[in-house]
Protein backbone atom coordinates (compact mmCIF):
# COMPACT_ATOMS: atom_id res chain seq x y z
CA THR A 1 -236.25 178.37 128.03
CA GLY A 2 -235.67 175.87 125.18
CA GLY A 3 -239.24 174.62 125.07
CA SER A 4 -240.49 173.68 121.58
CA ASN A 5 -243.43 175.13 119.75
CA PRO A 6 -246.00 172.30 119.87
CA LEU A 7 -246.95 173.15 116.29
CA ASN A 8 -243.41 173.41 114.87
CA ALA A 9 -240.43 171.58 116.35
CA CYS A 10 -238.09 173.98 114.55
CA GLN A 11 -239.18 176.80 116.80
CA THR A 12 -238.28 177.14 120.46
CA CYS A 13 -238.51 179.58 123.32
CA GLN A 14 -235.32 181.66 123.39
CA PRO A 15 -235.85 184.60 125.79
CA SER A 16 -232.56 186.16 124.80
CA SER A 17 -233.96 186.57 121.30
CA SER A 18 -237.62 187.23 122.09
CA THR A 19 -239.98 186.85 125.04
CA ILE A 20 -243.14 187.24 122.94
CA ALA A 21 -242.42 185.06 119.86
CA TRP A 22 -240.94 181.70 118.97
CA SER A 23 -237.34 181.66 117.75
CA THR A 24 -236.43 179.60 114.65
CA LEU A 25 -233.71 176.96 114.92
CA GLY A 26 -230.87 177.06 112.45
CA THR A 27 -230.86 174.98 109.28
CA GLY A 28 -229.77 171.43 109.99
CA ALA A 29 -230.83 171.43 113.64
CA SER A 30 -232.34 168.17 114.82
CA CYS A 31 -236.08 168.42 115.34
CA GLY A 32 -236.95 164.81 116.14
CA SER A 33 -235.92 161.31 115.23
CA GLY A 34 -234.76 161.27 111.59
CA ARG A 35 -235.79 164.90 111.06
CA VAL A 36 -233.91 168.18 110.56
CA CYS A 37 -234.84 171.83 110.24
CA SER A 38 -234.68 173.63 106.92
CA SER A 39 -235.79 177.27 106.68
CA GLY A 40 -237.86 176.85 109.83
CA THR A 41 -239.64 173.66 108.70
CA CYS A 42 -239.11 170.24 110.29
CA SER A 43 -239.03 167.34 107.85
CA PRO A 44 -237.26 163.99 107.27
CA GLY A 45 -233.78 164.49 105.85
CA CYS A 46 -230.06 164.81 106.48
CA PHE A 47 -227.76 167.73 107.19
CA ILE A 48 -224.33 166.87 105.80
CA GLY A 49 -221.52 169.26 105.00
CA GLY A 50 -223.69 172.29 105.58
CA VAL A 51 -226.39 171.15 103.14
CA VAL A 52 -229.85 169.70 103.80
CA TYR A 53 -230.64 166.60 101.70
CA SER A 54 -234.02 164.94 101.29
CA THR A 55 -234.54 161.26 102.07
CA GLY A 56 -232.96 159.07 99.39
CA ALA A 57 -230.78 161.82 97.90
CA SER A 58 -227.41 160.57 96.61
CA ASN A 59 -224.04 161.71 97.80
CA PRO A 60 -222.89 163.97 94.94
CA LEU A 61 -219.39 162.49 95.27
CA ASN A 62 -220.36 158.83 95.74
CA SER A 63 -223.41 157.29 94.10
CA CYS A 64 -223.18 154.32 96.50
CA GLN A 65 -224.21 156.51 99.45
CA THR A 66 -227.55 158.16 100.11
CA CYS A 67 -229.39 160.13 102.79
CA GLN A 68 -231.21 157.67 105.05
CA PRO A 69 -232.49 159.64 108.08
CA GLY A 70 -233.54 156.45 109.84
CA SER A 71 -229.86 155.53 110.05
CA SER A 72 -228.27 158.95 110.37
CA THR A 73 -229.17 162.59 109.80
CA THR A 74 -225.54 163.76 109.87
CA ALA A 75 -223.70 161.21 107.71
CA TRP A 76 -224.23 159.36 104.43
CA SER A 77 -225.53 155.78 104.55
CA ASN A 78 -224.23 153.03 102.26
CA ARG A 79 -226.50 151.60 99.59
CA SER A 80 -226.98 147.83 99.51
CA ASP A 81 -224.15 145.83 97.99
CA GLY A 82 -224.93 144.93 94.39
CA SER A 83 -226.81 148.16 93.65
CA VAL A 84 -226.05 149.69 90.24
CA CYS A 85 -223.84 152.79 90.35
CA ALA A 86 -222.14 155.06 87.82
CA GLN A 87 -224.24 153.53 85.01
CA THR A 88 -222.28 150.27 84.75
CA GLY A 89 -220.70 149.81 88.18
CA THR A 90 -221.73 147.89 91.31
CA CYS A 91 -221.82 149.10 94.91
CA THR A 92 -219.59 147.21 97.35
CA GLY A 93 -219.12 148.37 100.93
CA GLY A 94 -220.27 151.88 100.07
CA ASN A 95 -217.90 152.23 97.12
CA CYS A 96 -218.66 152.02 93.40
CA VAL A 97 -216.69 149.27 91.67
CA CYS A 98 -216.50 149.61 87.89
CA PRO A 99 -216.22 146.68 85.46
CA ALA A 100 -212.77 145.37 84.63
CA GLY A 101 -210.86 147.85 82.50
CA ALA A 102 -212.98 150.80 83.60
CA GLY A 103 -212.51 153.54 86.17
CA ILE A 104 -214.81 155.98 87.91
CA CYS A 105 -214.33 159.70 87.56
CA PRO A 106 -215.74 161.56 90.59
CA THR A 107 -216.59 164.67 88.59
CA SER A 108 -219.16 162.77 86.54
CA LEU A 109 -219.89 159.70 88.68
CA ALA A 110 -219.65 157.54 85.58
CA CYS A 111 -217.57 154.46 84.80
CA PHE A 112 -215.32 155.12 81.83
CA ASP A 113 -213.45 152.49 79.89
CA ILE A 114 -210.00 153.84 80.69
CA LEU A 115 -208.51 151.38 78.20
CA THR A 116 -210.13 153.07 75.17
CA ASN A 117 -211.67 156.40 76.25
CA ASP A 118 -209.82 159.26 74.56
CA SER A 119 -210.79 161.69 77.34
CA HIS A 120 -209.93 159.37 80.25
CA CYS A 121 -207.06 157.28 78.90
CA GLY A 122 -205.54 155.20 81.66
CA GLY A 123 -207.11 157.46 84.28
CA CYS A 124 -209.64 160.24 84.83
CA GLY A 125 -209.11 163.36 82.78
CA VAL A 126 -206.16 162.07 80.73
CA VAL A 127 -206.97 163.41 77.24
CA CYS A 128 -205.20 161.99 74.20
CA ALA A 129 -203.72 164.59 71.87
CA ALA A 130 -204.90 164.93 68.29
CA GLY A 131 -203.25 162.30 66.11
CA THR A 132 -203.41 159.66 68.85
CA VAL A 133 -206.14 157.47 70.29
CA CYS A 134 -206.53 155.59 73.55
CA LEU A 135 -205.63 151.93 73.11
CA ALA A 136 -204.83 149.60 76.02
CA GLY A 137 -204.91 152.63 78.33
CA GLN A 138 -202.20 154.51 76.40
CA CYS A 139 -202.43 157.45 73.99
CA THR A 140 -200.87 155.90 70.91
CA VAL A 141 -201.53 154.68 67.36
CA PRO A 142 -202.68 151.20 66.28
CA PRO A 143 -200.29 148.58 64.91
CA ALA A 144 -200.38 147.57 61.26
CA LEU A 145 -202.59 144.78 60.00
CA PRO A 146 -200.50 141.56 60.19
CA THR A 147 -201.44 140.51 56.65
CA ALA A 148 -201.22 143.21 53.99
CA ARG A 149 -204.24 142.87 51.74
CA ALA A 150 -206.97 144.64 49.80
CA ALA A 151 -210.64 144.03 48.98
CA MET A 152 -211.42 142.47 52.37
CA GLY A 153 -214.32 143.15 54.72
CA ALA A 154 -214.56 144.08 58.38
CA ALA A 155 -217.15 144.13 61.14
CA ARG A 156 -217.24 144.70 64.89
CA GLY A 157 -217.99 141.61 66.94
CA PRO A 158 -220.04 141.28 70.14
CA ASP A 159 -216.78 141.35 72.11
CA GLY A 160 -215.86 144.80 70.76
CA LYS A 161 -213.06 143.45 68.56
CA LEU A 162 -212.77 144.38 64.88
CA TYR A 163 -212.75 141.32 62.61
CA VAL A 164 -211.08 141.58 59.18
CA VAL A 165 -211.96 138.82 56.72
CA GLY A 166 -210.70 137.68 53.31
CA GLY A 167 -209.14 139.90 50.65
CA VAL A 168 -206.38 139.54 48.11
CA ASN A 169 -202.59 139.70 48.52
CA ASP A 170 -199.91 141.26 46.30
CA GLY A 171 -199.77 138.07 44.25
CA GLY A 172 -203.45 138.32 43.36
CA VAL A 173 -204.32 135.34 45.53
CA ALA A 174 -207.71 135.37 47.23
CA LEU A 175 -207.40 134.95 50.99
CA GLY A 176 -209.44 133.30 53.73
CA THR A 177 -207.42 135.11 56.40
CA LEU A 178 -209.26 136.20 59.56
CA GLU A 179 -207.56 138.61 61.97
CA ALA A 180 -209.11 140.50 64.89
CA PHE A 181 -208.01 143.74 66.53
CA ASP A 182 -208.77 144.43 70.19
CA PRO A 183 -208.64 148.14 71.15
CA LYS A 184 -208.39 147.12 74.82
CA THR A 185 -205.06 145.38 74.23
CA ASN A 186 -203.92 147.26 71.10
CA ALA A 187 -203.06 143.95 69.48
CA TRP A 188 -204.03 141.79 66.52
CA GLN A 189 -204.96 138.13 66.83
CA SER A 190 -204.79 135.51 64.07
CA LEU A 191 -207.89 133.30 63.97
CA PRO A 192 -209.05 130.28 61.92
CA SER A 193 -209.22 131.08 58.21
CA MET A 194 -212.51 131.30 56.34
CA PRO A 195 -213.13 128.01 54.49
CA THR A 196 -213.76 129.70 51.11
CA PRO A 197 -210.97 132.19 50.28
CA ARG A 198 -212.35 135.28 48.50
CA HIS A 199 -212.09 139.00 48.01
CA SER A 200 -214.57 141.84 47.35
CA LEU A 201 -217.02 140.23 49.78
CA ALA A 202 -219.51 141.78 52.20
CA VAL A 203 -218.92 141.28 55.93
CA VAL A 204 -221.47 142.04 58.67
CA GLY A 205 -221.69 141.27 62.37
CA SER A 206 -224.90 139.95 63.90
CA GLY A 207 -225.30 138.37 67.30
CA ASP A 208 -222.39 136.02 67.95
CA GLY A 209 -221.50 135.76 64.26
CA ILE A 210 -219.26 137.45 61.72
CA TYR A 211 -220.88 136.77 58.35
CA ALA A 212 -218.89 136.62 55.09
CA ILE A 213 -221.27 136.97 52.12
CA GLY A 214 -220.48 136.49 48.43
CA GLY A 215 -217.26 137.77 46.89
CA ALA A 216 -214.92 136.31 44.28
CA ASP A 217 -211.95 133.99 44.04
CA ALA A 218 -209.36 134.00 41.26
CA LEU A 219 -211.85 132.69 38.71
CA TYR A 220 -215.46 133.01 39.82
CA SER A 221 -217.97 135.02 41.79
CA ARG A 222 -219.11 133.23 44.94
CA ASP A 223 -222.48 132.71 46.60
CA GLU A 224 -221.41 131.22 49.94
CA ILE A 225 -222.47 132.69 53.29
CA GLU A 226 -220.02 131.54 55.91
CA VAL A 227 -220.24 132.58 59.54
CA TYR A 228 -217.56 132.72 62.20
CA SER A 229 -218.78 132.10 65.75
CA VAL A 230 -217.00 134.54 68.04
CA SER A 231 -217.74 132.46 71.13
CA GLY A 232 -217.02 129.11 69.50
CA GLY A 233 -214.03 130.13 67.39
CA THR A 234 -215.19 128.11 64.37
CA TRP A 235 -216.55 128.67 60.86
CA SER A 236 -219.68 127.10 59.38
CA LEU A 237 -221.67 127.34 56.16
CA ALA A 238 -224.84 129.37 56.85
CA GLY A 239 -226.34 129.26 53.35
CA HIS A 240 -226.09 130.78 49.88
CA ILE A 241 -227.21 134.02 48.27
CA ARG A 242 -229.37 133.77 45.14
CA THR A 243 -226.72 135.04 42.72
CA PRO A 244 -222.93 134.76 42.91
CA ILE A 245 -221.74 138.35 43.16
CA TYR A 246 -218.88 140.59 44.33
CA ARG A 247 -218.32 144.30 45.07
CA HIS A 248 -221.81 144.36 46.55
CA ALA A 249 -223.03 145.68 49.92
CA VAL A 250 -225.05 144.06 52.69
CA VAL A 251 -226.81 145.99 55.44
CA ILE A 252 -229.00 144.87 58.31
CA GLY A 253 -231.60 147.57 58.40
CA GLN A 254 -234.91 149.02 57.38
CA GLY A 255 -237.32 149.08 54.46
CA GLY A 256 -240.58 147.22 54.07
CA GLY A 257 -239.82 145.33 57.26
CA ALA A 258 -236.54 144.84 59.09
CA GLY A 259 -234.20 142.40 57.41
CA TRP A 260 -230.87 141.85 55.72
CA TYR A 261 -230.46 143.59 52.35
CA LEU A 262 -227.99 142.67 49.62
CA LEU A 263 -227.56 145.71 47.37
CA GLY A 264 -226.07 145.87 43.88
CA GLY A 265 -222.63 144.57 42.95
CA THR A 266 -221.03 142.79 40.01
CA PRO A 267 -222.66 139.47 39.02
CA SER A 268 -221.28 137.19 36.34
CA THR A 269 -223.74 138.58 33.77
CA SER A 270 -222.97 142.33 33.87
CA ASN A 271 -220.62 145.00 35.17
CA ALA A 272 -223.16 146.27 37.69
CA THR A 273 -226.66 145.45 38.86
CA SER A 274 -229.53 147.25 40.57
CA GLN A 275 -230.59 143.95 42.15
CA VAL A 276 -231.72 143.98 45.78
CA ASP A 277 -232.28 140.76 47.74
CA ILE A 278 -233.76 140.45 51.21
CA SER A 279 -233.33 137.89 53.96
CA VAL A 280 -234.53 137.34 57.49
CA GLY A 281 -231.48 136.19 59.41
CA GLY A 282 -229.06 136.23 56.48
CA THR A 283 -229.43 132.64 55.30
CA SER A 284 -232.39 132.32 52.87
CA TRP A 285 -232.77 135.13 50.30
CA SER A 286 -235.48 136.39 47.93
CA SER A 287 -235.80 139.21 45.40
CA TRP A 288 -236.81 142.69 46.59
CA SER A 289 -237.44 146.11 45.06
CA ALA A 290 -234.51 146.96 42.77
CA MET A 291 -232.55 150.20 43.13
CA THR A 292 -233.12 152.98 40.61
CA THR A 293 -229.47 152.83 39.55
CA ALA A 294 -227.31 149.79 38.89
CA ARG A 295 -224.02 150.10 40.78
CA THR A 296 -220.95 148.25 41.98
CA GLY A 297 -218.15 149.08 44.42
CA HIS A 298 -220.52 151.35 46.32
CA GLY A 299 -221.20 152.13 49.96
CA ALA A 300 -224.33 151.36 51.94
CA ALA A 301 -225.62 151.78 55.47
CA ALA A 302 -228.81 151.33 57.46
CA PHE A 303 -229.35 154.91 58.60
CA GLY A 304 -232.38 155.31 60.86
CA ASN A 305 -235.39 154.25 58.78
CA CYS A 306 -233.45 154.38 55.52
CA ASN A 307 -231.42 151.83 53.56
CA PHE A 308 -228.91 154.33 52.20
CA VAL A 309 -226.82 153.51 49.12
CA PHE A 310 -224.24 155.86 47.66
CA GLY A 311 -221.30 156.08 45.27
CA GLY A 312 -219.96 153.29 43.11
CA LYS A 313 -219.98 152.95 39.33
CA ASN A 314 -222.80 152.04 36.96
CA GLN A 315 -222.72 149.62 34.02
CA SER A 316 -220.94 152.10 31.78
CA GLY A 317 -218.29 152.87 34.41
CA SER A 318 -219.62 156.30 35.40
CA PHE A 319 -219.78 157.40 39.04
CA VAL A 320 -223.31 157.47 40.46
CA GLY A 321 -225.15 159.32 43.23
CA ALA A 322 -227.20 158.17 46.21
CA GLU A 323 -230.65 156.80 46.93
CA CYS A 324 -232.68 155.55 49.86
CA MET A 325 -235.46 153.04 50.49
CA GLN A 326 -237.50 154.23 53.49
CA SER A 327 -238.91 151.87 56.09
CA GLY A 328 -242.38 150.63 55.20
CA THR A 329 -241.94 151.23 51.46
CA ILE A 330 -240.55 149.37 48.46
CA SER A 331 -239.59 152.46 46.47
CA TRP A 332 -236.30 154.30 46.16
CA THR A 333 -235.81 158.08 46.32
CA ALA A 334 -232.81 160.20 45.36
CA MET A 335 -230.50 161.44 48.14
CA PRO A 336 -227.51 163.80 48.21
CA GLY A 337 -224.47 162.17 46.63
CA LEU A 338 -220.89 162.10 47.88
CA ILE A 339 -218.92 165.34 47.75
CA THR A 340 -216.09 163.38 46.11
CA PRO A 341 -217.60 160.90 43.59
CA ARG A 342 -215.82 157.57 43.88
CA TRP A 343 -216.07 153.81 44.18
CA LEU A 344 -214.31 151.00 46.09
CA LEU A 345 -214.67 153.06 49.30
CA GLY A 346 -215.05 152.01 52.92
CA VAL A 347 -218.11 152.73 55.07
CA ALA A 348 -218.93 152.66 58.78
CA THR A 349 -221.85 153.77 60.94
CA PRO A 350 -220.53 154.02 64.52
CA PHE A 351 -223.90 153.84 66.26
CA PRO A 352 -226.51 152.15 64.03
CA GLY A 353 -230.14 151.95 65.02
CA PRO A 354 -233.28 154.09 65.08
CA ALA A 355 -231.23 157.15 66.13
CA PRO A 356 -227.89 156.41 64.50
CA GLY A 357 -224.65 158.30 64.40
CA PRO A 358 -223.49 159.67 61.04
CA VAL A 359 -222.46 157.50 58.11
CA PHE A 360 -218.74 157.79 57.34
CA ALA A 361 -217.38 157.26 53.82
CA VAL A 362 -213.60 156.82 53.69
CA GLY A 363 -211.12 156.49 50.83
CA GLY A 364 -211.88 154.88 47.49
CA GLU A 365 -210.96 155.54 43.91
CA THR A 366 -211.81 158.60 41.80
CA SER A 367 -211.19 159.21 38.11
CA SER A 368 -207.70 160.38 39.16
CA GLY A 369 -206.82 157.32 41.24
CA VAL A 370 -206.90 156.32 44.90
CA THR A 371 -208.00 158.98 47.37
CA GLY A 372 -207.96 159.73 51.07
CA ALA A 373 -211.24 161.64 50.81
CA SER A 374 -213.32 161.34 53.98
CA GLU A 375 -216.80 162.66 54.67
CA PHE A 376 -219.84 161.98 56.79
CA PHE A 377 -223.59 162.09 56.16
CA ASN A 378 -225.88 163.38 58.92
CA GLY A 379 -229.21 162.46 57.33
CA THR A 380 -229.54 165.51 55.12
CA SER A 381 -226.12 166.40 53.72
CA TRP A 382 -222.48 165.34 53.45
CA THR A 383 -219.66 167.14 55.29
CA ALA A 384 -216.02 166.93 54.24
CA LEU A 385 -213.53 165.73 56.86
CA PRO A 386 -209.73 165.85 56.97
CA PRO A 387 -208.45 163.45 54.31
CA MET A 388 -207.06 160.12 55.41
CA PRO A 389 -203.24 160.43 55.49
CA THR A 390 -202.71 157.32 53.35
CA ALA A 391 -204.85 157.38 50.20
CA ARG A 392 -206.28 153.96 49.44
CA SER A 393 -209.19 152.06 47.92
CA GLN A 394 -210.61 148.57 48.51
CA LEU A 395 -210.02 149.04 52.24
CA ALA A 396 -211.86 147.61 55.21
CA VAL A 397 -213.56 150.11 57.52
CA ALA A 398 -215.14 149.50 60.92
CA ALA A 399 -216.04 151.47 64.04
CA ASP A 400 -215.11 150.47 67.57
CA THR A 401 -217.38 150.80 70.61
CA SER A 402 -216.02 154.32 71.22
CA GLY A 403 -217.24 155.45 67.80
CA ARG A 404 -213.78 155.76 66.25
CA ILE A 405 -213.41 154.86 62.57
CA TYR A 406 -210.63 152.44 61.56
CA ALA A 407 -209.32 152.44 57.98
CA ILE A 408 -207.61 149.08 57.55
CA GLY A 409 -205.34 147.89 54.74
CA GLY A 410 -206.46 148.36 51.15
CA TRP A 411 -204.89 149.22 47.81
CA ASN A 412 -202.58 152.25 47.57
CA GLY A 413 -202.58 152.33 43.78
CA SER A 414 -199.78 149.82 43.30
CA THR A 415 -199.96 147.16 46.03
CA PRO A 416 -202.01 145.91 48.99
CA ILE A 417 -200.99 147.63 52.24
CA SER A 418 -201.18 146.91 55.97
CA SER A 419 -201.55 150.48 57.26
CA VAL A 420 -204.20 151.13 59.94
CA GLN A 421 -205.32 154.72 60.54
CA VAL A 422 -208.02 155.90 62.94
CA LEU A 423 -210.42 158.84 62.60
CA ARG A 424 -211.38 160.36 65.94
CA ASN A 425 -213.94 163.00 66.87
CA LEU A 426 -212.19 165.63 69.01
CA GLY A 427 -215.49 167.36 69.80
CA SER A 428 -217.22 170.42 68.35
CA ALA A 429 -217.32 168.71 64.92
CA THR A 430 -213.51 168.59 64.79
CA PHE A 431 -211.85 165.37 63.62
CA SER A 432 -208.28 164.08 63.40
CA TRP A 433 -206.56 161.04 61.88
CA THR A 434 -203.72 159.05 63.36
CA PRO A 435 -200.68 159.12 61.06
């Protein structure tokens, strides 16, 4: 009685069950060192909580524990300290430790930034209601921009902060003001001013730098490229563009080779230009294939393999459509135009790159005045979104690391404003603005 089948350790002699055949051991029974039975077969594995796991399988409730039959067949074994867990965490003593400001949600075994995640705000499963966003671990709304202004630029830095540069105040004075918003603290920070005050400039983030390109002061268009070092906290002159210009756009994207592209705008010689300049690194520029349509006050984005330009006004002051220069070409093709034709709008692409998120176009000015019109482009067509609560043009727009779109400051039709409103995706193609 109890003797094992020499050919299968999961079968034994059990006379009470049968005297002429082997009896199969139950699932999870030990059948040798580091081995357990499963459906009558003996193999390396673990039997934990009524379930058989293969060697190396992870604990479904703790990614820092695995089945290691050499250590135990009945309990989970800790992974080595320092192992990666929950995508961005680190195993320590059998527990997953997330980066500072993040928490782990057992249902998904992922580290979420509980300071800014709208579905896990301050803790797992805490969902912010429509009209609020998660900032500093609280479902709330962002504070106003410290310096009311219009015609400034904005870009997200490598630290996740949103940097707002330049602009013009209610006295018509061009500003060098630099202020940064941190969604993790829900606070603005005043930083060293840009050396050359200007408005209607282009602002892009690249590497450690926030680049301020072109623009205008009270008298002249400017050609300076000044860069703010996020890590160093200082400004420096990075170079000059070929032509002083304002109300232009700059994208870091595609088209005949990756590079920086300066698109259209208002030079000193005309109301609008179709000029396109290209640079590698944003410092030295040369002429490139001109757009089909001259335009100023337009939007632009690097969308996948397309340098996408849309909206704005032409030399005669008429609203214009959209066009694209595809990667590997130097020619422009027509694209679907904005649902609401306008200029002096704000633009953001939350997740740029080869497989980008949609391009968002926010606010601007129509033939009837400032607008809160909001829409996004998915690569083939535009979709209307809920209008921004505060209509404005000449605003700064940027996306945070959570993909939320910030509409910052701008011109409300009579004066520069400091209002900050955030567009959030609630899921299932449903969006809401903060008030």
